[in-house]
Amino acid sequence: MSENIQAAVLLHPSFVSVDDFKEVKAPIAILGAEIDHLTPPELIMQFKEILSSKPEVDSFVKIYPGVAHGWTVRYNEEDKKAVQSAEEAHQDMLNWFAKHVK
């Protein structure tokens, strides 16, 4: 990551590898879905393990239960649980940026 990046958030990440997280230098949050064939929870936990080994980098990793890849942008507005999960992730993202972006 560039030194110009104050903080990052990945929502339902895809096309990233464990090696990518070895290079992270800015605070990063990873918000993942329980049901995700592109980035399953097991892979997200590997990302968390890498980040945990870097105490100089603040990180936050959360897997949202019962949701699928894309749940924060592609959800049925009539489905209260789907709306609640998306809003929770949006709030977690905003809280992360509020904490780290000056």
PDB file of N, CA and C in Angstrom:
ATOM      1  N   MET A   1       0.838  -1.185   0.000  1.00  0.00           N
ATOM      2  CA  MET A   1       0.000   0.000   0.000  1.00  0.00           C
ATOM      3  C   MET A   1       0.881   1.246   0.000  1.00  0.00           C
ATOM      4  N   SER A   2       0.381   2.241  -0.592  1.00  0.00           N
ATOM      5  CA  SER A   2       1.083   3.518  -0.641  1.00  0.00           C
ATOM      6  C   SER A   2       1.065   4.195   0.725  1.00  0.00           C
ATOM      7  N   GLU A   3       2.089   5.006   0.991  1.00  0.00           N
ATOM      8  CA  GLU A   3       2.119   5.762   2.241  1.00  0.00           C
ATOM      9  C   GLU A   3       1.010   6.815   2.277  1.00  0.00           C
ATOM     10  N   ASN A   4       0.383   7.088   1.143  1.00  0.00           N
ATOM     11  CA  ASN A   4      -0.708   8.061   1.084  1.00  0.00           C
ATOM     12  C   ASN A   4      -2.023   7.491   1.596  1.00  0.00           C
ATOM     13  N   ILE A   5      -2.102   6.194   1.772  1.00  0.00           N
ATOM     14  CA  ILE A   5      -3.327   5.556   2.239  1.00  0.00           C
ATOM     15  C   ILE A   5      -3.331   5.570   3.764  1.00  0.00           C
ATOM     16  N   GLN A   6      -4.328   6.246   4.337  1.00  0.00           N
ATOM     17  CA  GLN A   6      -4.420   6.329   5.795  1.00  0.00           C
ATOM     18  C   GLN A   6      -5.102   5.103   6.389  1.00  0.00           C
ATOM     19  N   ALA A   7      -6.035   4.513   5.643  1.00  0.00           N
ATOM     20  CA  ALA A   7      -6.767   3.337   6.116  1.00  0.00           C
ATOM     21  C   ALA A   7      -7.459   2.694   4.927  1.00  0.00           C
ATOM     22  N   ALA A   8      -7.736   1.403   5.066  1.00  0.00           N
ATOM     23  CA  ALA A   8      -8.413   0.661   4.000  1.00  0.00           C
ATOM     24  C   ALA A   8      -9.483  -0.240   4.600  1.00  0.00           C
ATOM     25  N   VAL A   9     -10.508  -0.498   3.799  1.00  0.00           N
ATOM     26  CA  VAL A   9     -11.547  -1.460   4.155  1.00  0.00           C
ATOM     27  C   VAL A   9     -11.820  -2.313   2.932  1.00  0.00           C
ATOM     28  N   LEU A  10     -11.821  -3.630   3.125  1.00  0.00           N
ATOM     29  CA  LEU A  10     -12.211  -4.556   2.069  1.00  0.00           C
ATOM     30  C   LEU A  10     -13.546  -5.164   2.464  1.00  0.00           C
ATOM     31  N   LEU A  11     -14.556  -4.936   1.640  1.00  0.00           N
ATOM     32  CA  LEU A  11     -15.871  -5.548   1.839  1.00  0.00           C
ATOM     33  C   LEU A  11     -15.985  -6.696   0.850  1.00  0.00           C
ATOM     34  N   HIS A  12     -16.378  -7.860   1.320  1.00  0.00           N
ATOM     35  CA  HIS A  12     -16.428  -9.074   0.509  1.00  0.00           C
ATOM     36  C   HIS A  12     -15.258  -9.115  -0.478  1.00  0.00           C
ATOM     37  N   PRO A  13     -14.029  -9.239   0.086  1.00  0.00           N
ATOM     38  CA  PRO A  13     -12.845  -9.185  -0.767  1.00  0.00           C
ATOM     39  C   PRO A  13     -12.814 -10.315  -1.782  1.00  0.00           C
ATOM     40  N   SER A  14     -12.182 -10.037  -2.909  1.00  0.00           N
ATOM     41  CA  SER A  14     -11.962 -11.077  -3.914  1.00  0.00           C
ATOM     42  C   SER A  14     -10.679 -10.757  -4.660  1.00  0.00           C
ATOM     43  N   PHE A  15     -10.097 -11.796  -5.200  1.00  0.00           N
ATOM     44  CA  PHE A  15      -8.868 -11.683  -5.984  1.00  0.00           C
ATOM     45  C   PHE A  15      -7.709 -11.090  -5.182  1.00  0.00           C
ATOM     46  N   VAL A  16      -7.673 -11.383  -3.878  1.00  0.00           N
ATOM     47  CA  VAL A  16      -6.529 -11.037  -3.043  1.00  0.00           C
ATOM     48  C   VAL A  16      -5.997 -12.336  -2.446  1.00  0.00           C
ATOM     49  N   SER A  17      -4.705 -12.331  -2.146  1.00  0.00           N
ATOM     50  CA  SER A  17      -4.076 -13.538  -1.632  1.00  0.00           C
ATOM     51  C   SER A  17      -3.465 -13.266  -0.262  1.00  0.00           C
ATOM     52  N   VAL A  18      -3.069 -14.329   0.400  1.00  0.00           N
ATOM     53  CA  VAL A  18      -2.390 -14.212   1.682  1.00  0.00           C
ATOM     54  C   VAL A  18      -1.142 -13.349   1.516  1.00  0.00           C
ATOM     55  N   ASP A  19      -0.423 -13.536   0.424  1.00  0.00           N
ATOM     56  CA  ASP A  19       0.794 -12.751   0.184  1.00  0.00           C
ATOM     57  C   ASP A  19       0.505 -11.255   0.112  1.00  0.00           C
ATOM     58  N   ASP A  20      -0.646 -10.879  -0.402  1.00  0.00           N
ATOM     59  CA  ASP A  20      -0.998  -9.457  -0.470  1.00  0.00           C
ATOM     60  C   ASP A  20      -0.989  -8.823   0.917  1.00  0.00           C
ATOM     61  N   PHE A  21      -1.418  -9.557   1.916  1.00  0.00           N
ATOM     62  CA  PHE A  21      -1.523  -8.996   3.263  1.00  0.00           C
ATOM     63  C   PHE A  21      -0.180  -8.904   3.968  1.00  0.00           C
ATOM     64  N   LYS A  22       0.806  -9.594   3.459  1.00  0.00           N
ATOM     65  CA  LYS A  22       2.153  -9.483   4.017  1.00  0.00           C
ATOM     66  C   LYS A  22       2.742  -8.105   3.759  1.00  0.00           C
ATOM     67  N   GLU A  23       2.218  -7.400   2.756  1.00  0.00           N
ATOM     68  CA  GLU A  23       2.728  -6.083   2.378  1.00  0.00           C
ATOM     69  C   GLU A  23       1.938  -4.923   2.982  1.00  0.00           C
ATOM     70  N   VAL A  24       0.864  -5.204   3.685  1.00  0.00           N
ATOM     71  CA  VAL A  24       0.009  -4.153   4.233  1.00  0.00           C
ATOM     72  C   VAL A  24       0.756  -3.341   5.287  1.00  0.00           C
ATOM     73  N   LYS A  25       0.660  -2.018   5.145  1.00  0.00           N
ATOM     74  CA  LYS A  25       1.312  -1.114   6.104  1.00  0.00           C
ATOM     75  C   LYS A  25       0.317  -0.139   6.747  1.00  0.00           C
ATOM     76  N   ALA A  26      -0.853   0.011   6.168  1.00  0.00           N
ATOM     77  CA  ALA A  26      -1.871   0.931   6.674  1.00  0.00           C
ATOM     78  C   ALA A  26      -2.932   0.146   7.440  1.00  0.00           C
ATOM     79  N   PRO A  27      -3.607   0.792   8.376  1.00  0.00           N
ATOM     80  CA  PRO A  27      -4.708   0.125   9.073  1.00  0.00           C
ATOM     81  C   PRO A  27      -5.721  -0.428   8.064  1.00  0.00           C
ATOM     82  N   ILE A  28      -6.143  -1.660   8.296  1.00  0.00           N
ATOM     83  CA  ILE A  28      -7.038  -2.309   7.336  1.00  0.00           C
ATOM     84  C   ILE A  28      -8.109  -3.111   8.056  1.00  0.00           C
ATOM     85  N   ALA A  29      -9.322  -3.008   7.537  1.00  0.00           N
ATOM     86  CA  ALA A  29     -10.447  -3.811   8.022  1.00  0.00           C
ATOM     87  C   ALA A  29     -10.880  -4.728   6.881  1.00  0.00           C
ATOM     88  N   ILE A  30     -11.178  -5.959   7.216  1.00  0.00           N
ATOM     89  CA  ILE A  30     -11.670  -6.923   6.237  1.00  0.00           C
ATOM     90  C   ILE A  30     -13.031  -7.378   6.715  1.00  0.00           C
ATOM     91  N   LEU A  31     -14.042  -7.101   5.926  1.00  0.00           N
ATOM     92  CA  LEU A  31     -15.418  -7.464   6.257  1.00  0.00           C
ATOM     93  C   LEU A  31     -15.862  -8.506   5.245  1.00  0.00           C
ATOM     94  N   GLY A  32     -16.024  -9.731   5.694  1.00  0.00           N
ATOM     95  CA  GLY A  32     -16.306 -10.837   4.793  1.00  0.00           C
ATOM     96  C   GLY A  32     -17.649 -11.489   5.040  1.00  0.00           C
ATOM     97  N   ALA A  33     -18.055 -12.282   4.066  1.00  0.00           N
ATOM     98  CA  ALA A  33     -19.329 -13.001   4.128  1.00  0.00           C
ATOM     99  C   ALA A  33     -19.101 -14.450   4.548  1.00  0.00           C
ATOM    100  N   GLU A  34     -20.057 -14.976   5.277  1.00  0.00           N
ATOM    101  CA  GLU A  34     -19.993 -16.385   5.672  1.00  0.00           C
ATOM    102  C   GLU A  34     -20.108 -17.290   4.446  1.00  0.00           C
ATOM    103  N   ILE A  35     -20.886 -16.861   3.457  1.00  0.00           N
ATOM    104  CA  ILE A  35     -21.124 -17.660   2.257  1.00  0.00           C
ATOM    105  C   ILE A  35     -20.446 -16.944   1.093  1.00  0.00           C
ATOM    106  N   ASP A  36     -19.220 -17.367   0.786  1.00  0.00           N
ATOM    107  CA  ASP A  36     -18.447 -16.682  -0.253  1.00  0.00           C
ATOM    108  C   ASP A  36     -17.496 -17.673  -0.896  1.00  0.00           C
ATOM    109  N   HIS A  37     -17.759 -18.009  -2.151  1.00  0.00           N
ATOM    110  CA  HIS A  37     -16.913 -18.972  -2.850  1.00  0.00           C
ATOM    111  C   HIS A  37     -15.614 -18.329  -3.328  1.00  0.00           C
ATOM    112  N   LEU A  38     -15.614 -17.004  -3.537  1.00  0.00           N
ATOM    113  CA  LEU A  38     -14.405 -16.311  -3.964  1.00  0.00           C
ATOM    114  C   LEU A  38     -13.415 -16.164  -2.816  1.00  0.00           C
ATOM    115  N   THR A  39     -13.927 -15.793  -1.655  1.00  0.00           N
ATOM    116  CA  THR A  39     -13.079 -15.617  -0.464  1.00  0.00           C
ATOM    117  C   THR A  39     -13.819 -16.214   0.732  1.00  0.00           C
ATOM    118  N   PRO A  40     -13.701 -17.524   0.907  1.00  0.00           N
ATOM    119  CA  PRO A  40     -14.419 -18.177   2.015  1.00  0.00           C
ATOM    120  C   PRO A  40     -13.850 -17.765   3.376  1.00  0.00           C
ATOM    121  N   PRO A  41     -14.630 -17.959   4.424  1.00  0.00           N
ATOM    122  CA  PRO A  41     -14.186 -17.585   5.767  1.00  0.00           C
ATOM    123  C   PRO A  41     -12.808 -18.162   6.143  1.00  0.00           C
ATOM    124  N   GLU A  42     -12.509 -19.364   5.677  1.00  0.00           N
ATOM    125  CA  GLU A  42     -11.212 -19.964   5.998  1.00  0.00           C
ATOM    126  C   GLU A  42     -10.063 -19.109   5.455  1.00  0.00           C
ATOM    127  N   LEU A  43     -10.235 -18.544   4.271  1.00  0.00           N
ATOM    128  CA  LEU A  43      -9.214 -17.684   3.683  1.00  0.00           C
ATOM    129  C   LEU A  43      -9.142 -16.355   4.433  1.00  0.00           C
ATOM    130  N   ILE A  44     -10.289 -15.822   4.802  1.00  0.00           N
ATOM    131  CA  ILE A  44     -10.306 -14.573   5.567  1.00  0.00           C
ATOM    132  C   ILE A  44      -9.579 -14.761   6.903  1.00  0.00           C
ATOM    133  N   MET A  45      -9.735 -15.922   7.506  1.00  0.00           N
ATOM    134  CA  MET A  45      -9.034 -16.181   8.758  1.00  0.00           C
ATOM    135  C   MET A  45      -7.520 -16.269   8.532  1.00  0.00           C
ATOM    136  N   GLN A  46      -7.099 -16.710   7.369  1.00  0.00           N
ATOM    137  CA  GLN A  46      -5.664 -16.692   7.049  1.00  0.00           C
ATOM    138  C   GLN A  46      -5.176 -15.248   6.930  1.00  0.00           C
ATOM    139  N   PHE A  47      -6.005 -14.383   6.319  1.00  0.00           N
ATOM    140  CA  PHE A  47      -5.650 -12.962   6.242  1.00  0.00           C
ATOM    141  C   PHE A  47      -5.485 -12.402   7.659  1.00  0.00           C
ATOM    142  N   LYS A  48      -6.432 -12.767   8.528  1.00  0.00           N
ATOM    143  CA  LYS A  48      -6.393 -12.281   9.912  1.00  0.00           C
ATOM    144  C   LYS A  48      -5.118 -12.742  10.605  1.00  0.00           C
ATOM    145  N   GLU A  49      -4.733 -13.972  10.376  1.00  0.00           N
ATOM    146  CA  GLU A  49      -3.520 -14.508  10.994  1.00  0.00           C
ATOM    147  C   GLU A  49      -2.289 -13.710  10.556  1.00  0.00           C
ATOM    148  N   ILE A  50      -2.191 -13.407   9.280  1.00  0.00           N
ATOM    149  CA  ILE A  50      -1.069 -12.606   8.772  1.00  0.00           C
ATOM    150  C   ILE A  50      -1.075 -11.230   9.435  1.00  0.00           C
ATOM    151  N   LEU A  51      -2.245 -10.595   9.456  1.00  0.00           N
ATOM    152  CA  LEU A  51      -2.336  -9.251  10.040  1.00  0.00           C
ATOM    153  C   LEU A  51      -2.044  -9.270  11.535  1.00  0.00           C
ATOM    154  N   SER A  52      -2.445 -10.317  12.219  1.00  0.00           N
ATOM    155  CA  SER A  52      -2.185 -10.431  13.661  1.00  0.00           C
ATOM    156  C   SER A  52      -0.698 -10.517  13.962  1.00  0.00           C
ATOM    157  N   SER A  53       0.067 -10.974  12.987  1.00  0.00           N
ATOM    158  CA  SER A  53       1.513 -11.078  13.188  1.00  0.00           C
ATOM    159  C   SER A  53       2.216  -9.739  12.961  1.00  0.00           C
ATOM    160  N   LYS A  54       1.429  -8.709  12.629  1.00  0.00           N
ATOM    161  CA  LYS A  54       1.970  -7.372  12.372  1.00  0.00           C
ATOM    162  C   LYS A  54       1.389  -6.394  13.400  1.00  0.00           C
ATOM    163  N   PRO A  55       1.911  -6.363  14.625  1.00  0.00           N
ATOM    164  CA  PRO A  55       1.322  -5.511  15.661  1.00  0.00           C
ATOM    165  C   PRO A  55       1.394  -4.020  15.338  1.00  0.00           C
ATOM    166  N   GLU A  56       2.264  -3.640  14.433  1.00  0.00           N
ATOM    167  CA  GLU A  56       2.373  -2.232  14.051  1.00  0.00           C
ATOM    168  C   GLU A  56       1.239  -1.779  13.128  1.00  0.00           C
ATOM    169  N   VAL A  57       0.458  -2.731  12.620  1.00  0.00           N
ATOM    170  CA  VAL A  57      -0.648  -2.413  11.719  1.00  0.00           C
ATOM    171  C   VAL A  57      -1.961  -2.742  12.420  1.00  0.00           C
ATOM    172  N   ASP A  58      -2.790  -1.715  12.639  1.00  0.00           N
ATOM    173  CA  ASP A  58      -4.097  -1.950  13.237  1.00  0.00           C
ATOM    174  C   ASP A  58      -4.969  -2.665  12.216  1.00  0.00           C
ATOM    175  N   SER A  59      -5.669  -3.692  12.668  1.00  0.00           N
ATOM    176  CA  SER A  59      -6.537  -4.433  11.748  1.00  0.00           C
ATOM    177  C   SER A  59      -7.804  -4.879  12.464  1.00  0.00           C
ATOM    178  N   PHE A  60      -8.819  -5.108  11.656  1.00  0.00           N
ATOM    179  CA  PHE A  60     -10.119  -5.555  12.147  1.00  0.00           C
ATOM    180  C   PHE A  60     -10.657  -6.534  11.118  1.00  0.00           C
ATOM    181  N   VAL A  61     -11.024  -7.728  11.545  1.00  0.00           N
ATOM    182  CA  VAL A  61     -11.540  -8.742  10.635  1.00  0.00           C
ATOM    183  C   VAL A  61     -12.858  -9.249  11.194  1.00  0.00           C
ATOM    184  N   LYS A  62     -13.872  -9.253  10.343  1.00  0.00           N
ATOM    185  CA  LYS A  62     -15.196  -9.692  10.786  1.00  0.00           C
ATOM    186  C   LYS A  62     -15.865 -10.468   9.660  1.00  0.00           C
ATOM    187  N   ILE A  63     -16.471 -11.588  10.020  1.00  0.00           N
ATOM    188  CA  ILE A  63     -17.237 -12.388   9.065  1.00  0.00           C
ATOM    189  C   ILE A  63     -18.700 -12.296   9.475  1.00  0.00           C
ATOM    190  N   TYR A  64     -19.530 -11.837   8.560  1.00  0.00           N
ATOM    191  CA  TYR A  64     -20.953 -11.620   8.829  1.00  0.00           C
ATOM    192  C   TYR A  64     -21.724 -12.912   8.566  1.00  0.00           C
ATOM    193  N   PRO A  65     -22.432 -13.405   9.562  1.00  0.00           N
ATOM    194  CA  PRO A  65     -23.138 -14.680   9.422  1.00  0.00           C
ATOM    195  C   PRO A  65     -24.344 -14.593   8.490  1.00  0.00           C
ATOM    196  N   GLY A  66     -24.541 -15.671   7.733  1.00  0.00           N
ATOM    197  CA  GLY A  66     -25.742 -15.813   6.921  1.00  0.00           C
ATOM    198  C   GLY A  66     -25.808 -14.962   5.669  1.00  0.00           C
ATOM    199  N   VAL A  67     -24.707 -14.289   5.304  1.00  0.00           N
ATOM    200  CA  VAL A  67     -24.730 -13.438   4.113  1.00  0.00           C
ATOM    201  C   VAL A  67     -23.798 -14.010   3.049  1.00  0.00           C
ATOM    202  N   ALA A  68     -24.027 -13.607   1.808  1.00  0.00           N
ATOM    203  CA  ALA A  68     -23.229 -14.081   0.681  1.00  0.00           C
ATOM    204  C   ALA A  68     -22.410 -12.934   0.099  1.00  0.00           C
ATOM    205  N   HIS A  69     -21.402 -13.302  -0.686  1.00  0.00           N
ATOM    206  CA  HIS A  69     -20.537 -12.323  -1.349  1.00  0.00           C
ATOM    207  C   HIS A  69     -21.389 -11.230  -1.995  1.00  0.00           C
ATOM    208  N   GLY A  70     -21.053  -9.982  -1.727  1.00  0.00           N
ATOM    209  CA  GLY A  70     -21.772  -8.847  -2.302  1.00  0.00           C
ATOM    210  C   GLY A  70     -22.901  -8.321  -1.437  1.00  0.00           C
ATOM    211  N   TRP A  71     -23.023  -8.851  -0.207  1.00  0.00           N
ATOM    212  CA  TRP A  71     -24.186  -8.508   0.626  1.00  0.00           C
ATOM    213  C   TRP A  71     -24.294  -7.029   0.967  1.00  0.00           C
ATOM    214  N   THR A  72     -23.245  -6.260   0.865  1.00  0.00           N
ATOM    215  CA  THR A  72     -23.332  -4.847   1.238  1.00  0.00           C
ATOM    216  C   THR A  72     -23.833  -3.965   0.109  1.00  0.00           C
ATOM    217  N   VAL A  73     -23.847  -4.491  -1.102  1.00  0.00           N
ATOM    218  CA  VAL A  73     -24.286  -3.688  -2.247  1.00  0.00           C
ATOM    219  C   VAL A  73     -25.415  -4.324  -3.036  1.00  0.00           C
ATOM    220  N   ARG A  74     -25.578  -5.632  -2.909  1.00  0.00           N
ATOM    221  CA  ARG A  74     -26.631  -6.339  -3.646  1.00  0.00           C
ATOM    222  C   ARG A  74     -27.505  -7.088  -2.654  1.00  0.00           C
ATOM    223  N   TYR A  75     -28.521  -6.422  -2.179  1.00  0.00           N
ATOM    224  CA  TYR A  75     -29.411  -7.070  -1.219  1.00  0.00           C
ATOM    225  C   TYR A  75     -30.840  -6.619  -1.483  1.00  0.00           C
ATOM    226  N   ASN A  76     -31.772  -7.428  -1.037  1.00  0.00           N
ATOM    227  CA  ASN A  76     -33.196  -7.157  -1.201  1.00  0.00           C
ATOM    228  C   ASN A  76     -33.626  -6.180  -0.107  1.00  0.00           C
ATOM    229  N   GLU A  77     -34.033  -4.998  -0.497  1.00  0.00           N
ATOM    230  CA  GLU A  77     -34.435  -3.973   0.470  1.00  0.00           C
ATOM    231  C   GLU A  77     -35.678  -4.364   1.262  1.00  0.00           C
ATOM    232  N   GLU A  78     -36.407  -5.374   0.806  1.00  0.00           N
ATOM    233  CA  GLU A  78     -37.597  -5.864   1.508  1.00  0.00           C
ATOM    234  C   GLU A  78     -37.236  -6.882   2.604  1.00  0.00           C
ATOM    235  N   ASP A  79     -36.004  -7.374   2.554  1.00  0.00           N
ATOM    236  CA  ASP A  79     -35.533  -8.385   3.497  1.00  0.00           C
ATOM    237  C   ASP A  79     -34.855  -7.674   4.679  1.00  0.00           C
ATOM    238  N   LYS A  80     -35.556  -7.639   5.828  1.00  0.00           N
ATOM    239  CA  LYS A  80     -35.049  -6.896   6.989  1.00  0.00           C
ATOM    240  C   LYS A  80     -33.680  -7.384   7.444  1.00  0.00           C
ATOM    241  N   LYS A  81     -33.458  -8.692   7.432  1.00  0.00           N
ATOM    242  CA  LYS A  81     -32.167  -9.241   7.856  1.00  0.00           C
ATOM    243  C   LYS A  81     -31.066  -8.814   6.898  1.00  0.00           C
ATOM    244  N   ALA A  82     -31.340  -8.833   5.614  1.00  0.00           N
ATOM    245  CA  ALA A  82     -30.346  -8.423   4.618  1.00  0.00           C
ATOM    246  C   ALA A  82     -30.004  -6.947   4.780  1.00  0.00           C
ATOM    247  N   VAL A  83     -31.010  -6.132   4.989  1.00  0.00           N
ATOM    248  CA  VAL A  83     -30.788  -4.698   5.193  1.00  0.00           C
ATOM    249  C   VAL A  83     -29.965  -4.480   6.462  1.00  0.00           C
ATOM    250  N   GLN A  84     -30.317  -5.184   7.529  1.00  0.00           N
ATOM    251  CA  GLN A  84     -29.598  -5.050   8.797  1.00  0.00           C
ATOM    252  C   GLN A  84     -28.131  -5.439   8.647  1.00  0.00           C
ATOM    253  N   SER A  85     -27.854  -6.529   7.940  1.00  0.00           N
ATOM    254  CA  SER A  85     -26.470  -6.968   7.740  1.00  0.00           C
ATOM    255  C   SER A  85     -25.678  -5.954   6.924  1.00  0.00           C
ATOM    256  N   ALA A  86     -26.290  -5.425   5.871  1.00  0.00           N
ATOM    257  CA  ALA A  86     -25.616  -4.419   5.044  1.00  0.00           C
ATOM    258  C   ALA A  86     -25.358  -3.151   5.853  1.00  0.00           C
ATOM    259  N   GLU A  87     -26.351  -2.706   6.604  1.00  0.00           N
ATOM    260  CA  GLU A  87     -26.189  -1.488   7.409  1.00  0.00           C
ATOM    261  C   GLU A  87     -25.119  -1.678   8.492  1.00  0.00           C
ATOM    262  N   GLU A  88     -25.065  -2.862   9.073  1.00  0.00           N
ATOM    263  CA  GLU A  88     -24.042  -3.148  10.085  1.00  0.00           C
ATOM    264  C   GLU A  88     -22.642  -3.047   9.462  1.00  0.00           C
ATOM    265  N   ALA A  89     -22.470  -3.622   8.280  1.00  0.00           N
ATOM    266  CA  ALA A  89     -21.175  -3.543   7.603  1.00  0.00           C
ATOM    267  C   ALA A  89     -20.839  -2.106   7.216  1.00  0.00           C
ATOM    268  N   HIS A  90     -21.819  -1.375   6.736  1.00  0.00           N
ATOM    269  CA  HIS A  90     -21.580   0.035   6.383  1.00  0.00           C
ATOM    270  C   HIS A  90     -21.145   0.821   7.623  1.00  0.00           C
ATOM    271  N   GLN A  91     -21.792   0.565   8.752  1.00  0.00           N
ATOM    272  CA  GLN A  91     -21.428   1.275   9.986  1.00  0.00           C
ATOM    273  C   GLN A  91     -20.033   0.872  10.454  1.00  0.00           C
ATOM    274  N   ASP A  92     -19.713  -0.409  10.355  1.00  0.00           N
ATOM    275  CA  ASP A  92     -18.364  -0.858  10.721  1.00  0.00           C
ATOM    276  C   ASP A  92     -17.316  -0.173   9.843  1.00  0.00           C
ATOM    277  N   MET A  93     -17.607  -0.039   8.562  1.00  0.00           N
ATOM    278  CA  MET A  93     -16.698   0.634   7.644  1.00  0.00           C
ATOM    279  C   MET A  93     -16.529   2.105   8.025  1.00  0.00           C
ATOM    280  N   LEU A  94     -17.638   2.790   8.267  1.00  0.00           N
ATOM    281  CA  LEU A  94     -17.572   4.204   8.642  1.00  0.00           C
ATOM    282  C   LEU A  94     -16.822   4.401   9.960  1.00  0.00           C
ATOM    283  N   ASN A  95     -17.048   3.518  10.921  1.00  0.00           N
ATOM    284  CA  ASN A  95     -16.344   3.602  12.203  1.00  0.00           C
ATOM    285  C   ASN A  95     -14.838   3.429  12.002  1.00  0.00           C
ATOM    286  N   TRP A  96     -14.455   2.510  11.130  1.00  0.00           N
ATOM    287  CA  TRP A  96     -13.044   2.272  10.862  1.00  0.00           C
ATOM    288  C   TRP A  96     -12.396   3.512  10.277  1.00  0.00           C
ATOM    289  N   PHE A  97     -13.052   4.101   9.273  1.00  0.00           N
ATOM    290  CA  PHE A  97     -12.492   5.305   8.653  1.00  0.00           C
ATOM    291  C   PHE A  97     -12.467   6.471   9.643  1.00  0.00           C
ATOM    292  N   ALA A  98     -13.496   6.610  10.448  1.00  0.00           N
ATOM    293  CA  ALA A  98     -13.530   7.693  11.448  1.00  0.00           C
ATOM    294  C   ALA A  98     -12.378   7.543  12.441  1.00  0.00           C
ATOM    295  N   LYS A  99     -12.041   6.326  12.754  1.00  0.00           N
ATOM    296  CA  LYS A  99     -10.960   6.051  13.704  1.00  0.00           C
ATOM    297  C   LYS A  99      -9.584   6.371  13.110  1.00  0.00           C
ATOM    298  N   HIS A 100      -9.419   6.143  11.800  1.00  0.00           N
ATOM    299  CA  HIS A 100      -8.081   6.196  11.213  1.00  0.00           C
ATOM    300  C   HIS A 100      -7.806   7.339  10.229  1.00  0.00           C
ATOM    301  N   VAL A 101      -8.824   7.901   9.642  1.00  0.00           N
ATOM    302  CA  VAL A 101      -8.583   8.942   8.647  1.00  0.00           C
ATOM    303  C   VAL A 101      -8.670  10.302   9.322  1.00  0.00           C
ATOM    304  N   LYS A 102      -7.612  11.041   9.215  1.00  0.00           N
ATOM    305  CA  LYS A 102      -7.544  12.362   9.871  1.00  0.00           C
ATOM    306  C   LYS A 102      -7.749  13.470   8.858  1.00  0.00           C
TER     307      LYS A 102
END
